[in-house]
N, C-alpha and C. Protein backbone atom coordinates (compact mmCIF):
# COMPACT_ATOMS: atom_id res chain seq x y z
N MET A 1 -27.19 -5.68 24.69
CA MET A 1 -27.57 -5.39 23.33
C MET A 1 -28.67 -6.37 22.93
N GLY A 2 -29.75 -5.83 22.45
CA GLY A 2 -30.88 -6.67 22.04
C GLY A 2 -30.76 -7.14 20.61
N LEU A 3 -31.69 -7.97 20.18
CA LEU A 3 -31.69 -8.53 18.83
C LEU A 3 -31.75 -7.43 17.77
N ASP A 4 -32.58 -6.41 18.00
CA ASP A 4 -32.67 -5.30 17.03
C ASP A 4 -31.33 -4.60 16.87
N ASP A 5 -30.63 -4.38 17.99
CA ASP A 5 -29.31 -3.73 17.94
C ASP A 5 -28.30 -4.61 17.20
N ILE A 6 -28.33 -5.90 17.45
CA ILE A 6 -27.41 -6.83 16.79
C ILE A 6 -27.65 -6.82 15.28
N LEU A 7 -28.93 -6.90 14.87
CA LEU A 7 -29.27 -6.88 13.44
C LEU A 7 -28.83 -5.57 12.79
N TYR A 8 -29.02 -4.48 13.50
CA TYR A 8 -28.60 -3.18 12.97
C TYR A 8 -27.08 -3.16 12.75
N GLU A 9 -26.33 -3.59 13.75
CA GLU A 9 -24.86 -3.54 13.67
C GLU A 9 -24.30 -4.44 12.57
N ILE A 10 -24.85 -5.63 12.40
CA ILE A 10 -24.29 -6.54 11.40
C ILE A 10 -24.68 -6.18 9.97
N THR A 11 -25.62 -5.27 9.80
CA THR A 11 -26.02 -4.85 8.46
C THR A 11 -25.38 -3.53 8.04
N GLN A 12 -24.58 -2.94 8.90
CA GLN A 12 -23.91 -1.69 8.57
C GLN A 12 -22.80 -1.94 7.56
N PRO A 13 -22.56 -0.99 6.64
CA PRO A 13 -21.47 -1.17 5.66
C PRO A 13 -20.12 -1.13 6.37
N LYS A 14 -19.12 -1.69 5.70
CA LYS A 14 -17.76 -1.64 6.22
C LYS A 14 -17.33 -0.20 6.36
N GLU A 15 -16.42 0.05 7.32
CA GLU A 15 -15.83 1.38 7.45
C GLU A 15 -15.08 1.69 6.16
N THR A 16 -15.01 2.97 5.80
CA THR A 16 -14.33 3.38 4.58
C THR A 16 -12.91 2.87 4.54
N ASN A 17 -12.19 2.95 5.67
CA ASN A 17 -10.80 2.52 5.67
C ASN A 17 -10.67 1.02 5.41
N ARG A 18 -11.70 0.23 5.64
CA ARG A 18 -11.64 -1.21 5.37
C ARG A 18 -12.05 -1.53 3.93
N GLN A 19 -12.54 -0.55 3.20
CA GLN A 19 -12.92 -0.75 1.81
C GLN A 19 -11.81 -0.33 0.85
N ILE A 20 -10.81 0.38 1.35
CA ILE A 20 -9.82 0.99 0.48
C ILE A 20 -8.99 -0.02 -0.30
N GLY A 21 -8.66 -1.17 0.29
CA GLY A 21 -7.86 -2.17 -0.41
C GLY A 21 -8.47 -2.57 -1.75
N PRO A 22 -9.72 -3.07 -1.74
CA PRO A 22 -10.35 -3.42 -3.02
C PRO A 22 -10.53 -2.22 -3.95
N LEU A 23 -10.84 -1.06 -3.40
CA LEU A 23 -10.99 0.14 -4.23
C LEU A 23 -9.67 0.55 -4.86
N PHE A 24 -8.58 0.44 -4.10
CA PHE A 24 -7.26 0.78 -4.62
C PHE A 24 -6.89 -0.16 -5.77
N LYS A 25 -7.14 -1.45 -5.60
CA LYS A 25 -6.82 -2.42 -6.66
C LYS A 25 -7.68 -2.17 -7.90
N SER A 26 -8.94 -1.79 -7.72
CA SER A 26 -9.79 -1.45 -8.86
C SER A 26 -9.28 -0.20 -9.57
N TRP A 27 -8.80 0.77 -8.79
CA TRP A 27 -8.24 1.99 -9.36
C TRP A 27 -7.01 1.65 -10.20
N ILE A 28 -6.17 0.76 -9.70
CA ILE A 28 -4.99 0.32 -10.45
C ILE A 28 -5.43 -0.36 -11.74
N ASP A 29 -6.42 -1.27 -11.65
CA ASP A 29 -6.91 -1.97 -12.84
C ASP A 29 -7.50 -1.02 -13.88
N GLY A 30 -7.93 0.15 -13.44
CA GLY A 30 -8.47 1.16 -14.36
C GLY A 30 -7.40 1.89 -15.14
N ARG A 31 -6.16 1.44 -15.00
CA ARG A 31 -5.00 1.99 -15.74
C ARG A 31 -4.67 3.43 -15.37
N ALA A 32 -4.93 3.79 -14.12
CA ALA A 32 -4.63 5.14 -13.65
C ALA A 32 -3.14 5.44 -13.70
N LEU A 33 -2.32 4.41 -13.68
CA LEU A 33 -0.86 4.61 -13.67
C LEU A 33 -0.26 4.64 -15.08
N GLY A 34 -1.06 4.36 -16.10
CA GLY A 34 -0.60 4.48 -17.47
C GLY A 34 0.42 3.44 -17.89
N CYS A 35 0.32 2.24 -17.35
CA CYS A 35 1.25 1.18 -17.74
C CYS A 35 0.51 -0.15 -17.75
N LYS A 36 1.22 -1.17 -18.20
CA LYS A 36 0.64 -2.52 -18.26
C LYS A 36 0.37 -3.04 -16.85
N ILE A 37 -0.73 -3.80 -16.72
CA ILE A 37 -1.11 -4.46 -15.48
C ILE A 37 -1.05 -5.97 -15.73
N THR A 38 -0.50 -6.71 -14.78
CA THR A 38 -0.43 -8.16 -14.91
C THR A 38 -0.79 -8.85 -13.60
N THR A 39 -1.16 -10.10 -13.71
CA THR A 39 -1.35 -10.94 -12.52
C THR A 39 -0.28 -12.03 -12.48
N SER A 40 0.64 -12.00 -13.43
CA SER A 40 1.63 -13.05 -13.60
C SER A 40 2.99 -12.70 -13.00
N HIS A 41 3.49 -13.57 -12.13
CA HIS A 41 4.83 -13.38 -11.56
C HIS A 41 5.87 -13.37 -12.67
N GLU A 42 5.76 -14.27 -13.60
CA GLU A 42 6.76 -14.38 -14.67
C GLU A 42 6.76 -13.13 -15.55
N GLU A 43 5.59 -12.59 -15.81
CA GLU A 43 5.51 -11.42 -16.68
C GLU A 43 6.19 -10.21 -16.06
N ILE A 44 5.96 -9.96 -14.78
CA ILE A 44 6.61 -8.81 -14.15
C ILE A 44 8.12 -9.04 -14.04
N LEU A 45 8.53 -10.26 -13.76
CA LEU A 45 9.96 -10.56 -13.66
C LEU A 45 10.68 -10.36 -14.99
N ASN A 46 10.05 -10.78 -16.07
CA ASN A 46 10.70 -10.77 -17.38
C ASN A 46 10.48 -9.51 -18.19
N SER A 47 9.61 -8.64 -17.73
CA SER A 47 9.27 -7.44 -18.50
C SER A 47 10.38 -6.40 -18.41
N ASN A 48 10.65 -5.77 -19.54
CA ASN A 48 11.57 -4.62 -19.58
C ASN A 48 10.80 -3.32 -19.57
N ASP A 49 9.47 -3.42 -19.60
CA ASP A 49 8.61 -2.24 -19.58
C ASP A 49 8.16 -1.94 -18.16
N ASN A 50 7.60 -0.77 -17.95
CA ASN A 50 6.97 -0.43 -16.67
C ASN A 50 5.71 -1.28 -16.55
N ILE A 51 5.52 -1.89 -15.39
CA ILE A 51 4.44 -2.85 -15.22
C ILE A 51 4.05 -2.94 -13.75
N VAL A 52 2.77 -3.21 -13.50
CA VAL A 52 2.25 -3.37 -12.14
C VAL A 52 1.71 -4.78 -11.99
N LEU A 53 2.06 -5.43 -10.89
CA LEU A 53 1.49 -6.72 -10.52
C LEU A 53 0.27 -6.42 -9.66
N ASN A 54 -0.91 -6.77 -10.13
CA ASN A 54 -2.14 -6.49 -9.39
C ASN A 54 -2.95 -7.77 -9.26
N THR A 55 -2.79 -8.40 -8.12
CA THR A 55 -3.45 -9.66 -7.83
C THR A 55 -3.78 -9.66 -6.34
N SER A 56 -4.05 -10.80 -5.76
CA SER A 56 -4.40 -10.84 -4.34
C SER A 56 -3.22 -10.43 -3.45
N ASP A 57 -3.54 -9.95 -2.26
CA ASP A 57 -2.49 -9.59 -1.29
C ASP A 57 -1.55 -10.78 -1.06
N LYS A 58 -2.12 -11.97 -0.93
CA LYS A 58 -1.31 -13.16 -0.66
C LYS A 58 -0.41 -13.47 -1.85
N ASN A 59 -0.95 -13.40 -3.06
CA ASN A 59 -0.16 -13.68 -4.26
C ASN A 59 1.00 -12.69 -4.37
N MET A 60 0.74 -11.42 -4.05
CA MET A 60 1.81 -10.42 -4.10
C MET A 60 2.83 -10.66 -2.99
N LYS A 61 2.36 -11.06 -1.81
CA LYS A 61 3.29 -11.40 -0.73
C LYS A 61 4.17 -12.57 -1.15
N ASP A 62 3.58 -13.59 -1.76
CA ASP A 62 4.35 -14.75 -2.22
C ASP A 62 5.41 -14.34 -3.24
N PHE A 63 5.03 -13.48 -4.18
CA PHE A 63 5.99 -12.98 -5.16
C PHE A 63 7.14 -12.24 -4.46
N ALA A 64 6.78 -11.33 -3.57
CA ALA A 64 7.79 -10.52 -2.89
C ALA A 64 8.72 -11.38 -2.04
N ARG A 65 8.18 -12.40 -1.41
CA ARG A 65 9.03 -13.31 -0.61
C ARG A 65 9.97 -14.10 -1.50
N LYS A 66 9.44 -14.67 -2.55
CA LYS A 66 10.23 -15.56 -3.41
C LYS A 66 11.29 -14.82 -4.21
N TYR A 67 10.95 -13.66 -4.76
CA TYR A 67 11.85 -12.99 -5.69
C TYR A 67 12.54 -11.75 -5.14
N LEU A 68 11.97 -11.15 -4.07
CA LEU A 68 12.52 -9.88 -3.59
C LEU A 68 12.98 -9.93 -2.13
N GLY A 69 12.91 -11.09 -1.51
CA GLY A 69 13.40 -11.23 -0.14
C GLY A 69 12.55 -10.52 0.90
N TYR A 70 11.27 -10.37 0.64
CA TYR A 70 10.34 -9.75 1.59
C TYR A 70 10.21 -10.67 2.80
N GLN A 71 10.30 -10.11 4.01
CA GLN A 71 10.34 -10.91 5.22
C GLN A 71 9.06 -10.89 6.06
N ARG A 72 8.18 -9.94 5.84
CA ARG A 72 6.99 -9.83 6.68
C ARG A 72 5.96 -10.90 6.32
N ASP A 73 5.15 -11.25 7.30
CA ASP A 73 4.08 -12.20 7.06
C ASP A 73 2.77 -11.43 6.86
N LYS A 74 2.79 -10.53 5.91
CA LYS A 74 1.68 -9.63 5.66
C LYS A 74 1.53 -9.47 4.16
N GLY A 75 0.31 -9.56 3.67
CA GLY A 75 0.06 -9.34 2.25
C GLY A 75 0.40 -7.92 1.85
N LEU A 76 0.49 -7.69 0.56
CA LEU A 76 0.85 -6.38 0.03
C LEU A 76 -0.26 -5.83 -0.86
N ASP A 77 -0.35 -4.51 -0.92
CA ASP A 77 -1.35 -3.86 -1.78
C ASP A 77 -0.77 -3.44 -3.12
N PHE A 78 0.56 -3.29 -3.21
CA PHE A 78 1.12 -2.71 -4.42
C PHE A 78 2.51 -3.27 -4.70
N ILE A 79 2.69 -3.74 -5.94
CA ILE A 79 4.01 -4.10 -6.45
C ILE A 79 4.07 -3.62 -7.89
N ALA A 80 5.13 -2.91 -8.22
CA ALA A 80 5.35 -2.45 -9.59
C ALA A 80 6.82 -2.58 -9.93
N LYS A 81 7.10 -2.54 -11.22
CA LYS A 81 8.48 -2.52 -11.71
C LYS A 81 8.58 -1.35 -12.67
N PHE A 82 9.37 -0.35 -12.29
CA PHE A 82 9.54 0.85 -13.09
C PHE A 82 11.02 1.10 -13.30
N ASN A 83 11.40 1.21 -14.56
CA ASN A 83 12.81 1.41 -14.91
C ASN A 83 13.71 0.40 -14.21
N GLY A 84 13.25 -0.86 -14.16
CA GLY A 84 14.04 -1.94 -13.58
C GLY A 84 14.04 -2.00 -12.07
N LYS A 85 13.35 -1.08 -11.41
CA LYS A 85 13.29 -1.05 -9.95
C LYS A 85 11.92 -1.54 -9.48
N TYR A 86 11.93 -2.35 -8.44
CA TYR A 86 10.68 -2.86 -7.88
C TYR A 86 10.20 -1.92 -6.79
N VAL A 87 8.92 -1.57 -6.84
CA VAL A 87 8.30 -0.70 -5.85
C VAL A 87 7.24 -1.52 -5.13
N ILE A 88 7.34 -1.56 -3.80
CA ILE A 88 6.45 -2.37 -2.99
C ILE A 88 5.81 -1.49 -1.93
N GLY A 89 4.50 -1.65 -1.71
CA GLY A 89 3.87 -0.82 -0.70
C GLY A 89 2.53 -1.31 -0.20
N GLU A 90 2.10 -0.62 0.83
CA GLU A 90 0.79 -0.80 1.43
C GLU A 90 0.00 0.47 1.18
N ALA A 91 -1.29 0.35 0.90
CA ALA A 91 -2.17 1.49 0.70
C ALA A 91 -3.18 1.54 1.84
N LYS A 92 -3.26 2.70 2.49
CA LYS A 92 -4.20 2.87 3.61
C LYS A 92 -4.90 4.21 3.46
N PHE A 93 -6.19 4.21 3.78
CA PHE A 93 -6.98 5.44 3.85
C PHE A 93 -7.36 5.64 5.30
N LEU A 94 -6.80 6.64 5.92
CA LEU A 94 -6.95 6.87 7.36
C LEU A 94 -7.98 7.97 7.59
N THR A 95 -9.09 7.60 8.23
CA THR A 95 -10.22 8.52 8.37
C THR A 95 -10.30 9.19 9.72
N ASP A 96 -9.47 8.79 10.67
CA ASP A 96 -9.55 9.32 12.03
C ASP A 96 -8.20 9.13 12.70
N TYR A 97 -8.10 9.55 13.93
CA TYR A 97 -6.87 9.42 14.71
C TYR A 97 -7.04 8.36 15.79
N GLY A 98 -5.93 7.70 16.14
CA GLY A 98 -5.92 6.77 17.27
C GLY A 98 -6.43 5.39 16.92
N GLY A 99 -6.36 4.50 17.91
CA GLY A 99 -6.92 3.15 17.82
C GLY A 99 -6.52 2.38 16.59
N HIS A 100 -7.54 1.87 15.89
CA HIS A 100 -7.32 1.04 14.70
C HIS A 100 -6.60 1.82 13.61
N GLN A 101 -6.85 3.12 13.52
CA GLN A 101 -6.19 3.93 12.49
C GLN A 101 -4.68 3.96 12.71
N ASN A 102 -4.24 4.05 13.97
CA ASN A 102 -2.80 3.99 14.25
C ASN A 102 -2.23 2.65 13.84
N SER A 103 -2.98 1.57 14.05
CA SER A 103 -2.53 0.23 13.64
C SER A 103 -2.37 0.16 12.12
N GLN A 104 -3.32 0.74 11.39
CA GLN A 104 -3.23 0.76 9.94
C GLN A 104 -2.03 1.57 9.47
N PHE A 105 -1.82 2.72 10.10
CA PHE A 105 -0.66 3.56 9.80
C PHE A 105 0.63 2.77 10.05
N ASN A 106 0.71 2.13 11.22
CA ASN A 106 1.91 1.36 11.57
C ASN A 106 2.15 0.21 10.60
N ASP A 107 1.09 -0.41 10.12
CA ASP A 107 1.22 -1.49 9.15
C ASP A 107 1.90 -1.00 7.88
N ALA A 108 1.46 0.13 7.37
CA ALA A 108 2.07 0.70 6.16
C ALA A 108 3.52 1.11 6.42
N ILE A 109 3.77 1.70 7.57
CA ILE A 109 5.14 2.12 7.91
C ILE A 109 6.05 0.91 8.05
N ASN A 110 5.57 -0.16 8.68
CA ASN A 110 6.39 -1.37 8.84
C ASN A 110 6.74 -1.99 7.49
N THR A 111 5.84 -1.95 6.54
CA THR A 111 6.16 -2.43 5.20
C THR A 111 7.20 -1.51 4.56
N MET A 112 7.01 -0.21 4.70
CA MET A 112 7.93 0.75 4.09
C MET A 112 9.34 0.65 4.67
N THR A 113 9.46 0.30 5.93
CA THR A 113 10.78 0.24 6.57
C THR A 113 11.37 -1.18 6.56
N SER A 114 10.71 -2.10 5.85
CA SER A 114 11.19 -3.48 5.76
C SER A 114 12.52 -3.54 5.01
N LYS A 115 13.29 -4.56 5.34
CA LYS A 115 14.53 -4.86 4.63
C LYS A 115 14.23 -5.99 3.64
N PHE A 116 14.88 -5.95 2.50
CA PHE A 116 14.67 -6.94 1.45
C PHE A 116 15.99 -7.63 1.16
N LEU A 117 15.99 -8.96 1.24
CA LEU A 117 17.19 -9.75 1.01
C LEU A 117 17.21 -10.19 -0.44
N THR A 118 17.75 -9.33 -1.31
CA THR A 118 17.74 -9.57 -2.74
C THR A 118 18.84 -8.77 -3.41
N ASP A 119 19.19 -9.16 -4.61
CA ASP A 119 20.14 -8.38 -5.40
C ASP A 119 19.42 -7.37 -6.30
N LYS A 120 18.08 -7.42 -6.29
CA LYS A 120 17.28 -6.48 -7.07
C LYS A 120 17.09 -5.18 -6.29
N GLU A 121 16.91 -4.08 -7.01
CA GLU A 121 16.64 -2.81 -6.32
C GLU A 121 15.16 -2.74 -5.96
N VAL A 122 14.89 -2.63 -4.66
CA VAL A 122 13.51 -2.57 -4.15
C VAL A 122 13.32 -1.24 -3.43
N ILE A 123 12.26 -0.54 -3.79
CA ILE A 123 11.92 0.73 -3.17
C ILE A 123 10.61 0.55 -2.42
N PRO A 124 10.65 0.47 -1.10
CA PRO A 124 9.41 0.32 -0.33
C PRO A 124 8.74 1.68 -0.12
N ILE A 125 7.42 1.70 -0.22
CA ILE A 125 6.67 2.94 -0.06
C ILE A 125 5.45 2.70 0.84
N ALA A 126 4.93 3.80 1.37
CA ALA A 126 3.65 3.79 2.09
C ALA A 126 2.72 4.72 1.33
N ILE A 127 1.63 4.17 0.82
CA ILE A 127 0.63 4.94 0.07
C ILE A 127 -0.47 5.27 1.07
N LEU A 128 -0.44 6.49 1.57
CA LEU A 128 -1.34 6.89 2.65
C LEU A 128 -2.17 8.10 2.24
N ASP A 129 -3.44 8.02 2.54
CA ASP A 129 -4.34 9.14 2.29
C ASP A 129 -5.22 9.34 3.51
N GLY A 130 -5.75 10.55 3.65
CA GLY A 130 -6.66 10.84 4.74
C GLY A 130 -6.13 11.89 5.70
N VAL A 131 -6.55 11.77 6.95
CA VAL A 131 -6.34 12.81 7.96
C VAL A 131 -4.88 12.98 8.38
N LEU A 132 -4.01 12.04 8.08
CA LEU A 132 -2.62 12.15 8.55
C LEU A 132 -1.90 13.36 7.99
N TYR A 133 -2.38 13.96 6.92
CA TYR A 133 -1.73 15.14 6.34
C TYR A 133 -2.21 16.45 6.94
N LEU A 134 -3.23 16.40 7.81
CA LEU A 134 -3.72 17.61 8.45
C LEU A 134 -2.76 18.02 9.56
N LYS A 135 -2.27 19.25 9.49
CA LYS A 135 -1.27 19.73 10.45
C LYS A 135 -1.89 19.79 11.85
N ASN A 136 -1.33 18.98 12.75
CA ASN A 136 -1.80 18.95 14.14
C ASN A 136 -0.75 18.24 14.99
N ASP A 137 -1.07 17.95 16.22
CA ASP A 137 -0.11 17.32 17.13
C ASP A 137 -0.35 15.81 17.28
N CYS A 138 -1.08 15.21 16.37
CA CYS A 138 -1.35 13.77 16.46
C CYS A 138 -0.14 12.98 15.96
N LYS A 139 -0.06 11.75 16.43
CA LYS A 139 1.07 10.86 16.16
C LYS A 139 1.39 10.73 14.67
N MET A 140 0.38 10.49 13.84
CA MET A 140 0.64 10.23 12.42
C MET A 140 1.27 11.45 11.75
N TYR A 141 0.72 12.63 11.97
CA TYR A 141 1.27 13.84 11.36
C TYR A 141 2.69 14.10 11.87
N ARG A 142 2.88 13.97 13.18
CA ARG A 142 4.22 14.18 13.75
C ARG A 142 5.24 13.25 13.11
N GLU A 143 4.88 11.98 12.98
CA GLU A 143 5.84 11.01 12.46
C GLU A 143 6.15 11.20 10.97
N ILE A 144 5.16 11.56 10.16
CA ILE A 144 5.46 11.76 8.73
C ILE A 144 6.26 13.03 8.48
N THR A 145 6.21 13.96 9.43
CA THR A 145 6.95 15.21 9.26
C THR A 145 8.27 15.23 10.02
N THR A 146 8.55 14.20 10.79
CA THR A 146 9.82 14.14 11.53
C THR A 146 10.51 12.80 11.25
N LYS A 147 10.13 11.79 11.97
CA LYS A 147 10.80 10.48 11.92
C LYS A 147 10.87 9.90 10.50
N TYR A 148 9.80 10.04 9.72
CA TYR A 148 9.75 9.46 8.37
C TYR A 148 9.75 10.52 7.27
N ALA A 149 10.21 11.71 7.58
CA ALA A 149 10.16 12.81 6.62
C ALA A 149 10.97 12.54 5.35
N GLU A 150 11.99 11.71 5.44
CA GLU A 150 12.83 11.42 4.27
C GLU A 150 12.45 10.11 3.58
N ASP A 151 11.42 9.45 4.07
CA ASP A 151 10.99 8.18 3.49
C ASP A 151 9.95 8.40 2.40
N ASN A 152 9.60 7.34 1.71
CA ASN A 152 8.66 7.40 0.59
C ASN A 152 7.23 7.20 1.05
N ILE A 153 6.67 8.26 1.63
CA ILE A 153 5.26 8.29 2.02
C ILE A 153 4.56 9.23 1.06
N LEU A 154 3.50 8.74 0.40
CA LEU A 154 2.84 9.58 -0.57
C LEU A 154 1.37 9.21 -0.70
N SER A 155 0.62 10.15 -1.20
CA SER A 155 -0.79 9.93 -1.51
C SER A 155 -0.90 9.11 -2.79
N ALA A 156 -1.97 8.34 -2.91
CA ALA A 156 -2.22 7.61 -4.16
C ALA A 156 -2.30 8.58 -5.33
N LEU A 157 -2.71 9.82 -5.06
CA LEU A 157 -2.82 10.83 -6.11
C LEU A 157 -1.46 11.18 -6.71
N LEU A 158 -0.39 10.93 -5.98
CA LEU A 158 0.96 11.23 -6.46
C LEU A 158 1.72 9.99 -6.90
N LEU A 159 1.09 8.83 -6.83
CA LEU A 159 1.78 7.58 -7.13
C LEU A 159 2.31 7.54 -8.56
N ARG A 160 1.51 7.92 -9.52
CA ARG A 160 1.95 7.90 -10.92
C ARG A 160 3.18 8.78 -11.12
N GLU A 161 3.13 10.00 -10.60
CA GLU A 161 4.27 10.92 -10.73
C GLU A 161 5.52 10.34 -10.08
N PHE A 162 5.36 9.74 -8.89
CA PHE A 162 6.49 9.13 -8.20
C PHE A 162 7.11 8.02 -9.04
N LEU A 163 6.27 7.11 -9.56
CA LEU A 163 6.77 5.98 -10.33
C LEU A 163 7.54 6.42 -11.57
N TYR A 164 7.00 7.40 -12.29
CA TYR A 164 7.66 7.85 -13.52
C TYR A 164 8.89 8.71 -13.24
N SER A 165 9.09 9.09 -11.99
CA SER A 165 10.30 9.84 -11.62
C SER A 165 11.49 8.92 -11.33
N LEU A 166 11.23 7.63 -11.24
CA LEU A 166 12.31 6.68 -10.91
C LEU A 166 13.26 6.49 -12.07
């Protein structure tokens, strides 16, 4: 690879799936869910209202570890409290099949299937959008329609409806 090729590659925009985290958090901040947004651990803990904690992945991981018994060493994309229940999840936009996309899918699934050591009610979810919903014989579609068919896997477009159904 020559200098021109190197310069070209390093100036390319991030893949769409690597931009989704910040875009998802901006979407949350835009009040798409119709509830209060906070960056404060104390506020979400003490609130009797529906509320979303929207801060850095690390800050949300720290909250989940300290108060909800979260065991993974992975930041989180989503924490909310609806009707006294805590909802925790990862948001992924999957643009293709295989390779890194399978890793992203597995990351969300591993968060969703995590155990929480707490006396609080925690509902883990996987917020997934993209090609995994296209009916085919690929791993992601097979798994969401069989192995994880009864779990909380949903599109960000259905997140508000899901939360208010709790």
